[in-house]
Amino acid sequence: MNGYFFDMDGTLYNNKFHEVSEKTFKMLNELQRQGHFVALCTSRCQTELKNLPSCMRNFQFDCMISDGGALILDRHKEVLEMNCISKATMKTIDSFCKEHSLVYRYSTRNENYFGTPYSKYAHDIYFHMYLNFPIYKPYVDDDVLNILVFCTDGMKEQFKLAFKELQLVEYIDSIEVRASAVDKATSVKKLMGSHEFETTYCFGDGVNDVDMLKMADVGVAMGNACDVLKEVSDVVIGKVDEDGIYNYLMENKS
């Protein structure tokens, strides 16, 4: 049995057209039919998965890693592990964002909220990506898995300095925040330790997939992946809109 771990956006899911190709979905089913372990490994929270195409929403992954590694669910969506940001740290982040007029969003086990009043910019980014968006609910005492802080370059440096003990991933216009030592790679490694995979394959396209691909037996970067991910991957395949996953696995099937 091999282990196959797939990122969602830009890997399984074509964000431009909001679709999963028929061939990609066919390959996921074929891998399971062959007895392999098929897992999702995404930075999306559970709420952000709700507007995916029905074929993907209803697909029973053997395991689902969400919130960038902070939440691990089994095939029945029961919690295997949750790693939350401490409530004291959350209150500090909330105060920092309010002091600097930063929009931030936070996710819990089943919900997703803006912790500060959201801008049209943040709203539009969310709707474009996920076809839904969080409502505004000031943080009080929730168990938070993942945060996205919208900020510019200068403010990014201030935030990174203030919260350097946390797990941070920097994007063009935001910073993703998780508890210390919590990421996709760590979660995949835990599952590798509890299963006897002959070979572990990890597929991705973004900067938050770098460590996951580096620790996999075979790290697979999409053709549309960022340059830094391609540099650390073992192989670069076709783009998400070129059925890259299907073609690669068809060419390399045992």
Protein backbone atom coordinates (compact mmCIF):
# COMPACT_ATOMS: atom_id res chain seq x y z
CA MET A 1 0.00 0.00 0.00
CA ASN A 2 1.28 3.44 -0.96
CA GLY A 3 0.29 6.71 0.68
CA TYR A 4 -0.89 9.53 -1.59
CA PHE A 5 -1.28 13.00 -0.07
CA PHE A 6 -2.83 15.72 -2.22
CA ASP A 7 -3.03 19.46 -1.72
CA MET A 8 -6.35 20.92 -2.88
CA ASP A 9 -6.06 24.37 -4.51
CA GLY A 10 -3.95 24.34 -7.65
CA THR A 11 -3.36 20.61 -7.28
CA LEU A 12 -6.64 18.69 -7.27
CA TYR A 13 -8.78 21.77 -7.78
CA ASN A 14 -8.62 24.23 -10.66
CA ASN A 15 -9.41 27.55 -8.96
CA LYS A 16 -9.74 29.45 -12.23
CA PHE A 17 -12.76 27.42 -13.31
CA HIS A 18 -13.76 26.06 -9.87
CA GLU A 19 -13.64 22.45 -10.99
CA VAL A 20 -11.96 19.09 -10.49
CA SER A 21 -11.31 17.35 -13.78
CA GLU A 22 -13.10 14.08 -14.43
CA LYS A 23 -9.77 12.34 -15.00
CA THR A 24 -8.34 13.56 -11.70
CA PHE A 25 -11.38 12.32 -9.81
CA LYS A 26 -11.23 9.03 -11.70
CA MET A 27 -7.63 8.57 -10.59
CA LEU A 28 -8.47 9.15 -6.91
CA ASN A 29 -11.06 6.39 -7.10
CA GLU A 30 -8.66 4.11 -8.93
CA LEU A 31 -5.97 4.55 -6.30
CA GLN A 32 -8.42 3.55 -3.58
CA ARG A 33 -9.66 0.63 -5.66
CA GLN A 34 -6.09 -0.62 -5.81
CA GLY A 35 -5.92 -0.52 -2.01
CA HIS A 36 -3.81 2.61 -1.60
CA PHE A 37 -4.23 5.27 1.10
CA VAL A 38 -5.58 8.53 -0.38
CA ALA A 39 -5.48 11.66 1.78
CA LEU A 40 -6.26 15.33 1.41
CA CYS A 41 -3.71 17.77 2.82
CA THR A 42 -4.91 21.37 2.55
CA SER A 43 -4.66 24.74 4.24
CA ARG A 44 -8.40 25.15 3.78
CA CYS A 45 -10.53 24.83 6.88
CA GLN A 46 -13.60 22.58 6.91
CA THR A 47 -16.00 25.41 6.04
CA GLU A 48 -13.89 26.32 3.00
CA LEU A 49 -14.42 22.81 1.61
CA LYS A 50 -18.21 23.08 1.52
CA ASN A 51 -18.54 24.71 -1.91
CA LEU A 52 -16.29 22.29 -3.77
CA PRO A 53 -17.84 20.29 -6.63
CA SER A 54 -20.08 17.51 -5.27
CA CYS A 55 -17.73 14.76 -6.49
CA MET A 56 -14.99 16.13 -4.23
CA ARG A 57 -17.24 16.98 -1.28
CA ASN A 58 -18.58 13.43 -1.26
CA PHE A 59 -15.30 11.64 -1.87
CA GLN A 60 -14.30 9.63 1.20
CA PHE A 61 -10.63 10.37 1.71
CA ASP A 62 -8.89 7.86 3.95
CA CYS A 63 -7.71 10.84 5.95
CA MET A 64 -8.21 14.59 5.77
CA ILE A 65 -5.56 17.03 6.94
CA SER A 66 -6.94 20.56 6.97
CA ASP A 67 -6.10 24.01 8.36
CA GLY A 68 -2.52 23.60 7.17
CA GLY A 69 -1.95 20.56 9.36
CA ALA A 70 -3.72 21.70 12.52
CA LEU A 71 -6.65 19.29 12.14
CA ILE A 72 -6.46 15.60 11.19
CA LEU A 73 -9.68 13.66 10.54
CA ASP A 74 -10.14 9.97 9.75
CA ARG A 75 -12.22 8.66 6.83
CA HIS A 76 -15.40 9.12 8.90
CA LYS A 77 -14.38 12.73 9.72
CA GLU A 78 -13.74 11.90 13.34
CA VAL A 79 -10.94 13.90 14.95
CA LEU A 80 -7.60 12.13 15.15
CA GLU A 81 -5.71 15.22 16.26
CA MET A 82 -6.32 18.93 16.83
CA ASN A 83 -3.54 21.44 17.45
CA CYS A 84 -4.94 24.83 18.43
CA ILE A 85 -3.25 28.17 18.92
CA SER A 86 -3.27 28.95 22.64
CA LYS A 87 -6.04 31.26 23.77
CA ALA A 88 -3.53 33.64 25.34
CA THR A 89 -1.71 33.92 22.01
CA MET A 90 -5.01 34.37 20.19
CA LYS A 91 -5.89 37.32 22.39
CA THR A 92 -2.47 38.85 21.68
CA ILE A 93 -2.92 38.39 17.92
CA ASP A 94 -6.42 39.86 18.13
CA SER A 95 -5.09 42.92 19.97
CA PHE A 96 -2.21 43.32 17.49
CA CYS A 97 -4.57 43.22 14.51
CA LYS A 98 -6.97 45.70 16.08
CA GLU A 99 -4.13 48.05 17.03
CA HIS A 100 -2.76 48.03 13.47
CA SER A 101 -6.17 47.94 11.72
CA LEU A 102 -5.47 44.56 10.13
CA VAL A 103 -8.16 42.24 8.81
CA TYR A 104 -7.78 38.67 10.05
CA ARG A 105 -9.78 35.49 9.70
CA TYR A 106 -9.71 32.54 12.09
CA SER A 107 -10.96 28.97 11.75
CA THR A 108 -12.31 26.54 14.33
CA ARG A 109 -13.26 22.86 14.06
CA ASN A 110 -16.48 23.62 12.21
CA GLU A 111 -16.57 27.37 11.55
CA ASN A 112 -14.68 30.23 9.95
CA TYR A 113 -14.85 33.90 10.94
CA PHE A 114 -13.36 37.33 10.39
CA GLY A 115 -12.09 38.46 13.78
CA THR A 116 -12.00 42.11 12.71
CA PRO A 117 -14.38 43.96 10.34
CA TYR A 118 -13.50 42.79 6.84
CA SER A 119 -12.67 44.94 3.86
CA LYS A 120 -14.11 44.54 0.38
CA TYR A 121 -10.64 43.37 -0.67
CA ALA A 122 -10.60 40.52 1.87
CA HIS A 123 -14.20 39.62 1.07
CA ASP A 124 -13.51 39.45 -2.67
CA ILE A 125 -10.38 37.32 -2.23
CA TYR A 126 -12.33 34.80 -0.18
CA PHE A 127 -15.29 34.61 -2.50
CA HIS A 128 -13.03 34.24 -5.54
CA MET A 129 -11.13 31.37 -3.92
CA TYR A 130 -13.83 29.50 -2.04
CA LEU A 131 -17.21 30.71 -3.35
CA ASN A 132 -18.09 31.58 0.24
CA PHE A 133 -16.73 33.91 2.89
CA PRO A 134 -16.60 34.13 6.70
CA ILE A 135 -18.96 36.29 8.70
CA TYR A 136 -17.61 38.82 11.19
CA LYS A 137 -17.49 37.52 14.78
CA PRO A 138 -15.06 39.10 17.23
CA TYR A 139 -12.79 36.57 18.89
CA VAL A 140 -13.74 35.70 22.45
CA ASP A 141 -12.67 32.24 23.57
CA ASP A 142 -12.81 29.87 20.57
CA ASP A 143 -10.42 27.00 19.94
CA VAL A 144 -8.59 28.33 16.88
CA LEU A 145 -6.75 26.13 14.40
CA ASN A 146 -5.58 28.55 11.74
CA ILE A 147 -5.40 32.30 11.13
CA LEU A 148 -4.92 34.36 7.99
CA VAL A 149 -3.77 37.94 8.55
CA PHE A 150 -4.06 40.34 5.59
CA CYS A 151 -1.09 42.71 5.61
CA THR A 152 1.47 44.56 3.50
CA ASP A 153 5.23 44.02 3.43
CA GLY A 154 6.16 46.42 6.23
CA MET A 155 3.47 45.11 8.54
CA LYS A 156 4.41 41.53 7.67
CA GLU A 157 7.85 42.08 9.19
CA GLN A 158 6.36 43.51 12.37
CA PHE A 159 3.95 40.60 12.67
CA LYS A 160 6.65 37.97 12.04
CA LEU A 161 8.87 39.56 14.66
CA ALA A 162 6.05 39.73 17.22
CA PHE A 163 4.94 36.10 16.67
CA LYS A 164 8.13 34.37 15.59
CA GLU A 165 7.44 31.42 17.92
CA LEU A 166 4.44 30.41 15.82
CA GLN A 167 4.31 28.54 12.52
CA LEU A 168 4.10 31.25 9.85
CA VAL A 169 3.73 31.04 6.07
CA GLU A 170 4.08 34.25 4.09
CA TYR A 171 2.02 34.91 0.97
CA ILE A 172 1.88 37.95 -1.31
CA ASP A 173 -0.77 39.79 0.69
CA SER A 174 -1.12 37.80 3.91
CA ILE A 175 0.44 35.57 6.54
CA GLU A 176 -0.96 32.18 7.54
CA VAL A 177 -0.57 31.40 11.25
CA ARG A 178 -0.65 28.09 13.10
CA ALA A 179 0.58 26.80 16.45
CA SER A 180 4.31 26.18 16.75
CA ALA A 181 5.61 23.13 14.81
CA VAL A 182 2.22 22.53 13.18
CA ASP A 183 2.27 22.13 9.40
CA LYS A 184 1.33 19.75 6.60
CA ALA A 185 4.67 17.92 6.69
CA THR A 186 4.41 17.15 10.41
CA SER A 187 0.89 15.76 10.00
CA VAL A 188 1.87 13.61 7.01
CA LYS A 189 4.87 12.30 8.94
CA LYS A 190 2.60 11.25 11.82
CA LEU A 191 0.43 9.26 9.42
CA MET A 192 3.52 7.69 7.86
CA GLY A 193 4.48 6.55 11.34
CA SER A 194 1.12 4.87 11.93
CA HIS A 195 0.88 3.19 8.49
CA GLU A 196 3.29 0.97 6.65
CA PHE A 197 3.36 2.73 3.29
CA GLU A 198 5.67 1.23 0.72
CA THR A 199 6.08 4.67 -0.86
CA THR A 200 4.71 8.04 0.20
CA TYR A 201 3.79 10.49 -2.56
CA CYS A 202 2.98 14.13 -1.81
CA PHE A 203 1.51 16.48 -4.43
CA GLY A 204 1.38 20.27 -4.19
CA ASP A 205 1.79 23.65 -5.83
CA GLY A 206 2.44 26.29 -3.14
CA VAL A 207 5.02 27.54 -0.66
CA ASN A 208 3.10 25.85 2.16
CA ASP A 209 3.79 22.49 0.47
CA VAL A 210 7.60 22.79 0.50
CA ASP A 211 8.34 20.83 3.68
CA MET A 212 5.72 18.22 2.81
CA LEU A 213 7.33 17.50 -0.56
CA LYS A 214 10.83 17.50 0.92
CA MET A 215 9.99 14.79 3.46
CA ALA A 216 7.99 12.58 1.07
CA ASP A 217 9.56 9.58 -0.64
CA VAL A 218 8.40 11.21 -3.87
CA GLY A 219 7.62 14.92 -3.83
CA VAL A 220 5.52 15.89 -6.84
CA ALA A 221 5.15 19.54 -7.90
CA MET A 222 2.43 20.60 -10.30
CA GLY A 223 3.46 22.34 -13.51
CA ASN A 224 1.70 25.45 -12.18
CA ALA A 225 3.61 25.29 -8.87
CA CYS A 226 5.74 28.14 -7.53
CA ASP A 227 9.43 28.01 -8.38
CA VAL A 228 10.60 27.26 -4.84
CA LEU A 229 8.42 24.14 -4.73
CA LYS A 230 9.65 22.91 -8.10
CA GLU A 231 13.22 23.29 -6.84
CA VAL A 232 12.69 20.92 -3.89
CA SER A 233 10.47 18.39 -5.69
CA ASP A 234 11.57 15.04 -7.08
CA VAL A 235 9.46 15.50 -10.18
CA VAL A 236 7.46 18.24 -11.89
CA ILE A 237 4.34 17.08 -13.69
CA GLY A 238 1.68 18.73 -15.88
CA LYS A 239 -0.45 21.62 -14.69
CA VAL A 240 -3.74 21.22 -12.86
CA ASP A 241 -5.61 22.18 -16.03
CA GLU A 242 -3.61 19.64 -18.07
CA ASP A 243 -4.64 16.58 -16.01
CA GLY A 244 -1.11 16.48 -14.61
CA ILE A 245 -1.95 14.09 -11.77
CA TYR A 246 -3.83 11.65 -13.97
CA ASN A 247 -1.16 11.56 -16.67
CA TYR A 248 1.70 11.18 -14.19
CA LEU A 249 0.08 8.34 -12.28
CA MET A 250 -0.98 6.58 -15.48
CA GLU A 251 2.58 6.72 -16.77
CA ASN A 252 4.01 5.48 -13.46
CA LYS A 253 1.44 2.86 -12.44
CA SER A 254 2.82 -0.45 -11.27
